């Protein structure tokens, strides 16, 4: 699988049209050829493109924050809605399954719509979901709101992941994707610690109210800075099938699914592991979450440069480091300092693996970026569910040490699979 010469797209300050290259569909501006490319208008257009990428990163931040918020609020949710912890945990699990179903359906039904409008509508859907959870009188209504949120989550990643190259051009597309992915780590930095802290201080309803306000602010920012982003045309189910038929995509899906299964099996139980293996207070544990998230942000930012040297190799090496880190955490003992260092390494290299799964799929099906993104969302959300289920099974039958050891070995298998796949498929290094 190859990518095109990224120098074929240029940015000009007049009208907008869509050009389709082999790597993605790119929205570029057109002007009279006599006008120099480095005019102030072109620079202004470039600044707006990167501002739009930043707005999408904020969208990723708020949607991941909303996704992870209940993890730190489960005891309060259970008490406030008069249910046990088991059913309350569905507020975390249900969004993943609805996202897996929604992503391909949304792809097939959204081909005619401007992407800016879709992004704003999806942001408003997240806002409504948070408001409903904040005021819902019953657990059933809360679960329904989370179900809607999950569908929005799947649709969001289907549309947003390939938009970066449309805003700043294919040559800078990888960097845009990884900046948007940095919002994921940012959301994790805030979501879990904020859920714990604000839940204890203000209660879970006010916490979701604050999340709703944050979502509204992000939607307003996006409305102000996002330009019109035309769709790539009609979408069909066979686009999804064509992606899955590609050998490079199948290898990427397998490696990504295995990596996420091991990652989520371990990450789901990071809190009890830290409580059991360190003497840190709740505030200290929250700080470790922040350390992990900051590492993820840094990893996502540097991933763009690594992917230009080779996506599959970068994925394999980063997954191998994550695997070793998880295995080390299984035997780290009670040392808070060592645990903190391992969490930094974990977050840093997972920040490379996470966007690596997407870029691998996009490069495997360069002519159908949104179809590849939809397939990636469904694939990874199923893996998240599998990882959560595996972790729960291991915790109930073995020990936390076994959970992390098993998670590490599974991620190591993903690294090995990626290394083997490099012998059979080739993705042209990104420019």
Protein backbone atom coordinates (compact mmCIF):
# COMPACT_ATOMS: atom_id res chain seq x y z
CA UNK A 1 0.00 0.00 0.00
CA UNK A 2 1.43 3.37 -0.93
CA UNK A 3 0.76 6.99 -0.29
CA UNK A 4 0.86 9.72 -2.90
CA UNK A 5 3.36 12.47 -3.25
CA UNK A 6 2.08 14.87 -0.61
CA UNK A 7 3.40 17.85 -2.50
CA UNK A 8 0.50 17.72 -4.93
CA UNK A 9 -1.82 19.73 -2.67
CA UNK A 10 -1.36 23.43 -2.05
CA UNK A 11 -3.19 25.98 0.02
CA UNK A 12 -4.53 29.21 -1.43
CA UNK A 13 -6.77 31.81 0.13
CA UNK A 14 -9.71 32.02 -2.26
CA UNK A 15 -12.52 29.47 -2.53
CA UNK A 16 -12.58 25.98 -1.02
CA UNK A 17 -12.90 22.74 -2.97
CA UNK A 18 -12.15 19.09 -2.24
CA UNK A 19 -9.29 17.24 -3.89
CA UNK A 20 -8.97 13.48 -3.53
CA UNK A 21 -5.46 12.11 -3.22
CA UNK A 22 -4.47 8.54 -2.49
CA UNK A 23 -3.83 9.25 1.16
CA UNK A 24 -7.04 11.12 1.94
CA UNK A 25 -9.57 13.62 0.67
CA UNK A 26 -8.17 17.08 1.31
CA UNK A 27 -10.00 20.38 1.45
CA UNK A 28 -7.72 22.94 -0.18
CA UNK A 29 -8.15 26.55 -1.11
CA UNK A 30 -7.74 27.77 -4.67
CA UNK A 31 -6.41 31.08 -5.95
CA UNK A 32 -4.98 32.54 -9.16
CA UNK A 33 -1.62 30.85 -9.93
CA UNK A 34 0.14 34.17 -10.17
CA UNK A 35 -0.33 34.81 -6.47
CA UNK A 36 2.62 33.66 -4.36
CA UNK A 37 2.00 30.79 -1.92
CA UNK A 38 3.53 32.62 1.00
CA UNK A 39 1.19 35.62 0.94
CA UNK A 40 -0.29 36.89 4.22
CA UNK A 41 -3.67 35.49 3.15
CA UNK A 42 -2.15 32.01 2.75
CA UNK A 43 -0.50 32.33 6.16
CA UNK A 44 -3.85 33.37 7.66
CA UNK A 45 -5.50 30.34 6.05
CA UNK A 46 -2.81 28.08 7.50
CA UNK A 47 -3.27 29.58 10.97
CA UNK A 48 -7.00 29.01 10.75
CA UNK A 49 -6.38 25.41 9.69
CA UNK A 50 -4.23 24.73 12.74
CA UNK A 51 -6.69 26.59 14.99
CA UNK A 52 -9.36 24.24 13.66
CA UNK A 53 -7.16 21.24 14.45
CA UNK A 54 -6.80 22.61 17.98
CA UNK A 55 -10.58 22.94 18.25
CA UNK A 56 -10.96 19.30 17.23
CA UNK A 57 -8.37 18.31 19.84
CA UNK A 58 -10.54 20.11 22.39
CA UNK A 59 -13.49 18.09 21.11
CA UNK A 60 -11.49 14.89 21.58
CA UNK A 61 -10.58 16.08 25.06
CA UNK A 62 -14.16 16.70 26.15
CA UNK A 63 -15.55 13.50 24.65
CA UNK A 64 -12.88 11.32 26.31
CA UNK A 65 -13.37 13.21 29.57
CA UNK A 66 -17.10 12.44 29.35
CA UNK A 67 -16.34 8.82 28.53
CA UNK A 68 -14.05 8.29 31.54
CA UNK A 69 -15.84 10.51 34.05
CA UNK A 70 -18.08 7.76 35.51
CA UNK A 71 -15.05 5.60 36.39
CA UNK A 72 -14.25 7.87 39.33
CA UNK A 73 -17.93 8.37 40.20
CA UNK A 74 -19.26 4.79 40.36
CA UNK A 75 -19.80 4.66 44.16
CA UNK A 76 -21.67 8.00 44.15
CA UNK A 77 -23.68 7.02 41.06
CA UNK A 78 -24.66 3.73 42.65
CA UNK A 79 -25.74 5.38 45.90
CA UNK A 80 -27.55 8.27 44.22
CA UNK A 81 -29.52 6.03 41.86
CA UNK A 82 -30.08 3.22 44.37
CA UNK A 83 -28.31 0.50 42.38
CA UNK A 84 -25.35 -1.75 43.13
CA UNK A 85 -21.86 -1.18 41.73
CA UNK A 86 -22.37 -3.86 39.07
CA UNK A 87 -25.22 -2.12 37.23
CA UNK A 88 -23.56 1.26 37.81
CA UNK A 89 -20.55 -0.07 35.89
CA UNK A 90 -22.76 -0.29 32.80
CA UNK A 91 -22.45 3.50 32.50
CA UNK A 92 -18.81 2.82 31.54
CA UNK A 93 -19.31 -0.30 29.40
CA UNK A 94 -22.49 0.58 27.44
CA UNK A 95 -20.97 3.55 25.52
CA UNK A 96 -18.26 1.34 24.08
CA UNK A 97 -20.67 -1.18 22.61
CA UNK A 98 -23.01 1.46 21.20
CA UNK A 99 -19.98 3.22 19.65
CA UNK A 100 -18.93 -0.03 17.96
CA UNK A 101 -22.37 -0.36 16.36
CA UNK A 102 -22.83 3.33 15.56
CA UNK A 103 -19.54 3.96 13.74
CA UNK A 104 -20.24 2.00 10.52
CA UNK A 105 -23.92 2.97 10.52
CA UNK A 106 -23.06 6.64 10.86
CA UNK A 107 -20.48 6.36 8.10
CA UNK A 108 -23.03 4.94 5.68
CA UNK A 109 -25.63 7.59 6.51
CA UNK A 110 -23.50 10.72 6.65
CA UNK A 111 -21.94 10.93 3.20
CA UNK A 112 -23.88 13.98 1.98
CA UNK A 113 -23.38 16.22 5.01
CA UNK A 114 -20.82 18.93 5.64
CA UNK A 115 -18.38 17.70 8.27
CA UNK A 116 -18.40 20.98 10.20
CA UNK A 117 -22.15 20.69 10.74
CA UNK A 118 -21.84 17.06 11.82
CA UNK A 119 -19.10 17.86 14.32
CA UNK A 120 -21.19 20.64 15.88
CA UNK A 121 -24.29 18.41 16.08
CA UNK A 122 -22.26 15.64 17.71
CA UNK A 123 -20.90 18.11 20.24
CA UNK A 124 -24.43 19.19 21.10
CA UNK A 125 -25.40 15.52 21.51
CA UNK A 126 -22.60 15.10 24.08
CA UNK A 127 -23.87 18.24 25.81
CA UNK A 128 -27.43 16.86 25.98
CA UNK A 129 -26.17 13.52 27.27
CA UNK A 130 -24.26 15.20 30.11
CA UNK A 131 -27.24 17.37 31.01
CA UNK A 132 -29.60 14.37 31.09
CA UNK A 133 -27.22 12.40 33.31
CA UNK A 134 -26.91 15.40 35.64
CA UNK A 135 -30.69 15.69 36.17
CA UNK A 136 -31.95 12.13 35.52
CA UNK A 137 -34.25 10.82 38.28
CA UNK A 138 -33.65 7.15 37.45
CA UNK A 139 -30.85 4.80 36.51
CA UNK A 140 -32.65 3.76 33.31
CA UNK A 141 -32.60 7.33 32.04
CA UNK A 142 -28.92 7.69 32.92
CA UNK A 143 -28.15 4.49 31.02
CA UNK A 144 -30.16 5.73 28.02
CA UNK A 145 -28.17 8.98 28.02
CA UNK A 146 -24.91 7.03 28.12
CA UNK A 147 -26.14 4.85 25.26
CA UNK A 148 -26.72 7.98 23.17
CA UNK A 149 -23.32 9.27 24.20
CA UNK A 150 -21.70 6.03 23.02
CA UNK A 151 -23.34 6.33 19.60
CA UNK A 152 -22.07 9.92 19.45
CA UNK A 153 -18.60 8.72 20.42
CA UNK A 154 -18.49 6.27 17.51
CA UNK A 155 -19.75 8.88 15.07
CA UNK A 156 -17.31 11.51 16.37
CA UNK A 157 -14.22 9.41 15.77
CA UNK A 158 -15.48 8.28 12.38
CA UNK A 159 -15.76 11.88 11.18
CA UNK A 160 -13.04 13.68 13.11
CA UNK A 161 -10.08 11.32 12.72
CA UNK A 162 -9.65 11.89 8.94
CA UNK A 163 -10.51 15.62 9.08
CA UNK A 164 -7.03 16.80 10.10
CA UNK A 165 -5.52 16.44 6.62
CA UNK A 166 -8.53 18.24 5.15
CA UNK A 167 -7.80 21.27 7.30
CA UNK A 168 -4.03 21.59 6.92
CA UNK A 169 -3.27 19.52 3.81
CA UNK A 170 -1.94 15.98 3.40
CA UNK A 171 1.69 16.97 3.99
CA UNK A 172 0.87 17.98 7.56
CA UNK A 173 -1.96 15.48 7.96
CA UNK A 174 -0.13 13.06 10.26
CA UNK A 175 0.83 15.85 12.61
CA UNK A 176 -2.79 17.02 12.69
CA UNK A 177 -4.04 13.50 13.49
CA UNK A 178 -1.59 13.11 16.36
CA UNK A 179 -2.48 16.54 17.79
CA UNK A 180 -6.14 15.54 17.78
CA UNK A 181 -5.12 12.25 19.42
CA UNK A 182 -3.33 14.23 22.13
CA UNK A 183 -6.79 15.39 23.18
CA UNK A 184 -7.51 11.78 24.13
CA UNK A 185 -4.70 11.78 26.68
CA UNK A 186 -5.80 15.20 27.87
CA UNK A 187 -9.31 13.89 28.45
CA UNK A 188 -7.92 11.01 30.47
CA UNK A 189 -5.79 13.41 32.50
CA UNK A 190 -8.94 15.26 33.54
CA UNK A 191 -11.71 12.66 33.38
CA UNK A 192 -10.71 10.10 35.99
CA UNK A 193 -9.09 12.42 38.59
CA UNK A 194 -11.86 15.01 38.12
CA UNK A 195 -14.49 12.34 38.59
CA UNK A 196 -12.92 11.28 41.87
CA UNK A 197 -12.21 14.78 43.19
CA UNK A 198 -15.32 16.64 42.06
CA UNK A 199 -17.51 13.67 42.92
CA UNK A 200 -16.28 13.78 46.51
CA UNK A 201 -16.57 17.55 46.80
CA UNK A 202 -19.64 18.43 44.71
CA UNK A 203 -21.41 15.15 44.01
CA UNK A 204 -21.83 13.31 40.73
CA UNK A 205 -24.71 15.44 39.41
CA UNK A 206 -22.79 18.70 39.66
CA UNK A 207 -19.75 16.98 38.17
CA UNK A 208 -21.72 16.07 35.05
CA UNK A 209 -23.13 19.61 35.01
CA UNK A 210 -19.57 20.95 34.88
CA UNK A 211 -18.83 18.51 32.05
CA UNK A 212 -21.87 19.89 30.21
CA UNK A 213 -20.58 23.46 30.58
CA UNK A 214 -17.14 22.41 29.31
CA UNK A 215 -18.80 20.72 26.33
CA UNK A 216 -20.78 23.87 25.53
CA UNK A 217 -17.61 25.98 25.58
CA UNK A 218 -15.88 23.60 23.18
CA UNK A 219 -18.87 23.58 20.80
CA UNK A 220 -18.86 27.40 20.75
CA UNK A 221 -15.12 27.45 19.99
CA UNK A 222 -15.62 24.96 17.17
CA UNK A 223 -18.50 26.99 15.75
CA UNK A 224 -16.23 30.04 15.66
CA UNK A 225 -13.12 28.53 14.09
CA UNK A 226 -14.12 25.51 11.99
CA UNK A 227 -14.52 26.22 8.27
CA UNK A 228 -16.92 24.39 6.02
CA UNK A 229 -15.56 20.87 5.45
CA UNK A 230 -17.28 19.27 2.47
CA UNK A 231 -17.85 15.54 2.53
CA UNK A 232 -16.00 13.20 0.23
CA UNK A 233 -19.24 12.18 -1.51
CA UNK A 234 -21.64 9.29 -1.13
CA UNK A 235 -20.75 6.47 1.24
CA UNK A 236 -21.60 2.80 0.87
CA UNK A 237 -21.36 -0.39 2.90
CA UNK A 238 -18.99 -1.85 0.34
CA UNK A 239 -16.46 0.88 1.27
CA UNK A 240 -16.23 -0.72 4.71
CA UNK A 241 -15.92 -4.18 3.20
CA UNK A 242 -13.18 -2.97 0.86
CA UNK A 243 -11.17 -1.72 3.83
CA UNK A 244 -11.43 -5.04 5.66
CA UNK A 245 -10.41 -6.94 2.50
CA UNK A 246 -7.04 -5.19 2.35
CA UNK A 247 -4.21 -7.31 3.86
CA UNK A 248 -2.51 -4.28 5.43
CA UNK A 249 -5.78 -3.25 7.07
CA UNK A 250 -6.41 -6.74 8.42
CA UNK A 251 -2.95 -6.84 9.97
CA UNK A 252 -3.53 -3.38 11.45
CA UNK A 253 -6.92 -4.34 12.84
CA UNK A 254 -5.50 -7.49 14.43
CA UNK A 255 -2.50 -5.72 15.96
CA UNK A 256 -4.66 -2.85 17.23
CA UNK A 257 -7.34 -5.12 18.70
CA UNK A 258 -4.78 -7.27 20.53
CA UNK A 259 -2.98 -4.19 21.87
CA UNK A 260 -6.19 -2.61 23.14
CA UNK A 261 -7.36 -5.85 24.74
CA UNK A 262 -4.20 -6.08 26.83
CA UNK A 263 -4.11 -2.35 27.56
CA UNK A 264 -7.70 -2.13 28.77
CA UNK A 265 -7.47 -5.33 30.81
CA UNK A 266 -4.70 -3.65 32.83
CA UNK A 267 -5.88 -0.03 32.76
CA UNK A 268 -9.35 -0.90 34.08
CA UNK A 269 -7.75 -2.04 37.34
CA UNK A 270 -5.05 0.57 37.73
CA UNK A 271 -6.78 2.17 40.73
CA UNK A 272 -7.01 -0.97 42.90
CA UNK A 273 -3.46 -1.87 41.84
CA UNK A 274 -2.15 1.50 43.02
CA UNK A 275 -4.12 1.27 46.26
CA UNK A 276 -2.78 -2.24 46.91
CA UNK A 277 0.83 -1.68 45.87
CA UNK A 278 1.52 1.85 47.13
CA UNK A 279 0.82 3.77 50.29
CA UNK A 280 -0.31 6.81 48.36
CA UNK A 281 -3.35 8.83 49.32
CA UNK A 282 -6.24 9.44 46.95
CA UNK A 283 -4.61 12.74 45.93
CA UNK A 284 -1.32 10.96 45.28
CA UNK A 285 -3.03 8.39 43.06
CA UNK A 286 -4.79 11.19 41.17
CA UNK A 287 -1.38 12.77 40.58
CA UNK A 288 -0.16 9.50 39.07
CA UNK A 289 -3.11 9.58 36.68
CA UNK A 290 -2.08 13.07 35.63
CA UNK A 291 1.51 11.87 35.14
CA UNK A 292 0.26 9.04 32.94
CA UNK A 293 -1.91 11.41 30.90
CA UNK A 294 0.84 13.98 30.41
CA UNK A 295 3.07 11.19 29.16
CA UNK A 296 0.32 10.25 26.71
CA UNK A 297 0.05 13.82 25.43
CA UNK A 298 3.80 13.98 24.82
CA UNK A 299 3.74 10.58 23.13
CA UNK A 300 0.92 11.61 20.80
CA UNK A 301 2.76 14.78 19.81
CA UNK A 302 6.05 13.04 18.96
CA UNK A 303 4.21 10.20 17.21
CA UNK A 304 3.81 12.28 14.06
CA UNK A 305 7.58 12.44 13.53
CA UNK A 306 7.96 8.72 14.24
CA UNK A 307 5.23 7.77 11.78
CA UNK A 308 7.05 9.55 8.98
CA UNK A 309 9.82 6.97 9.44
CA UNK A 310 7.38 4.07 9.35
CA UNK A 311 4.01 3.48 10.99
CA UNK A 312 4.22 -0.28 11.49
CA UNK A 313 7.73 -0.22 12.94
CA UNK A 314 6.85 2.65 15.29
CA UNK A 315 3.73 0.82 16.44
CA UNK A 316 5.66 -2.42 17.05
CA UNK A 317 8.43 -0.76 19.06
CA UNK A 318 6.04 1.35 21.14
CA UNK A 319 3.79 -1.66 21.86
CA UNK A 320 6.84 -3.64 22.99
CA UNK A 321 7.75 -0.92 25.48
CA UNK A 322 4.16 -0.79 26.78
CA UNK A 323 4.24 -4.57 27.23
CA UNK A 324 7.49 -4.48 29.19
CA UNK A 325 6.11 -1.65 31.33
CA UNK A 326 2.95 -3.58 32.22
CA UNK A 327 4.98 -6.65 33.13
CA UNK A 328 7.28 -4.45 35.25
CA UNK A 329 4.26 -2.97 37.03
CA UNK A 330 3.17 -6.51 37.94
CA UNK A 331 6.43 -6.90 39.90
CA UNK A 332 7.07 -3.28 40.93
CA UNK A 333 6.31 -3.82 44.60
CA UNK A 334 5.36 -0.91 46.82
CA UNK A 335 7.78 1.73 45.53
CA UNK A 336 5.80 4.86 44.68
CA UNK A 337 8.72 6.42 42.77
CA UNK A 338 9.26 3.36 40.58
CA UNK A 339 5.51 3.12 39.96
CA UNK A 340 5.42 6.78 38.94
CA UNK A 341 8.29 6.31 36.48
CA UNK A 342 6.60 3.26 34.98
CA UNK A 343 3.36 5.18 34.56
CA UNK A 344 5.19 7.95 32.71
CA UNK A 345 6.71 5.38 30.35
CA UNK A 346 3.36 3.63 29.96
CA UNK A 347 1.54 6.85 29.08
CA UNK A 348 4.31 8.06 26.77
CA UNK A 349 4.44 4.94 24.61
CA UNK A 350 0.72 4.25 24.69
CA UNK A 351 0.41 7.78 23.31
CA UNK A 352 2.23 6.40 20.24
CA UNK A 353 0.37 3.08 20.00
CA UNK A 354 -3.08 4.69 20.21
CA UNK A 355 -2.87 7.00 17.15
CA UNK A 356 -0.71 4.36 15.46
CA UNK A 357 -3.72 2.08 15.10
CA UNK A 358 -5.62 4.81 13.26
CA UNK A 359 -2.78 5.95 11.01
CA UNK A 360 -2.08 2.31 10.09
CA UNK A 361 -5.70 1.84 8.98
CA UNK A 362 -5.78 5.17 7.13
CA UNK A 363 -2.61 4.30 5.23
CA UNK A 364 -3.98 0.83 4.46
CA UNK A 365 -7.03 2.30 2.70
CA UNK A 366 -5.83 5.74 1.55
CA UNK A 367 -8.76 6.29 -0.79
CA UNK A 368 -11.41 5.76 1.93
CA UNK A 369 -10.24 7.56 5.10
CA UNK A 370 -13.65 7.78 6.79
CA UNK A 371 -14.45 4.14 6.02
CA UNK A 372 -11.08 3.16 7.51
CA UNK A 373 -11.78 5.32 10.55
CA UNK A 374 -15.22 3.74 11.05
CA UNK A 375 -13.72 0.24 10.82
CA UNK A 376 -11.03 1.27 13.31
CA UNK A 377 -13.59 2.60 15.80
CA UNK A 378 -15.67 -0.58 15.71
CA UNK A 379 -12.61 -2.81 15.91
CA UNK A 380 -11.12 -1.01 18.90
CA UNK A 381 -14.39 -0.62 20.80
CA UNK A 382 -14.96 -4.37 20.57
CA UNK A 383 -11.40 -4.84 21.84
CA UNK A 384 -12.11 -2.47 24.73
CA UNK A 385 -15.10 -4.60 25.71
CA UNK A 386 -13.02 -7.78 25.44
CA UNK A 387 -10.26 -6.25 27.55
CA UNK A 388 -12.69 -5.14 30.23
CA UNK A 389 -14.28 -8.59 30.34
CA UNK A 390 -10.90 -10.34 30.48
CA UNK A 391 -9.72 -8.07 33.28
CA UNK A 392 -12.89 -8.72 35.27
CA UNK A 393 -12.47 -12.48 34.83
CA UNK A 394 -8.84 -12.39 35.93
CA UNK A 395 -9.54 -10.18 38.95
CA UNK A 396 -12.31 -12.45 40.16
CA UNK A 397 -10.29 -15.66 39.72
CA UNK A 398 -6.63 -14.67 40.21
CA UNK A 399 -4.86 -11.49 41.37
CA UNK A 400 -4.06 -7.97 40.25
CA UNK A 401 -0.51 -9.04 39.56
CA UNK A 402 -1.83 -11.64 37.12
CA UNK A 403 -3.99 -9.00 35.45
CA UNK A 404 -0.99 -6.80 34.67
CA UNK A 405 1.23 -9.71 33.70
CA UNK A 406 -1.42 -11.04 31.33
CA UNK A 407 -2.11 -7.59 29.90
CA UNK A 408 1.61 -7.11 29.25
CA UNK A 409 1.95 -10.45 27.50
CA UNK A 410 -1.06 -9.67 25.29
CA UNK A 411 0.38 -6.30 24.26
CA UNK A 412 3.70 -8.03 23.60
CA UNK A 413 1.85 -10.38 21.23
CA UNK A 414 0.55 -7.29 19.44
CA UNK A 415 4.09 -5.96 19.03
CA UNK A 416 5.20 -9.33 17.62
CA UNK A 417 2.24 -9.39 15.24
CA UNK A 418 3.10 -5.90 13.98
CA UNK A 419 6.74 -6.89 13.49
CA UNK A 420 5.71 -9.97 11.50
CA UNK A 421 3.19 -7.99 9.42
CA UNK A 422 5.99 -5.67 8.27
CA UNK A 423 7.38 -8.64 6.30
CA UNK A 424 4.14 -8.99 4.32
CA UNK A 425 2.77 -5.48 3.84
CA UNK A 426 4.38 -2.09 3.32
CA UNK A 427 3.08 1.38 4.05
CA UNK A 428 5.06 4.13 2.36
CA UNK A 429 6.70 6.35 5.05
CA UNK A 430 4.73 9.55 5.56
CA UNK A 431 6.19 12.85 4.46
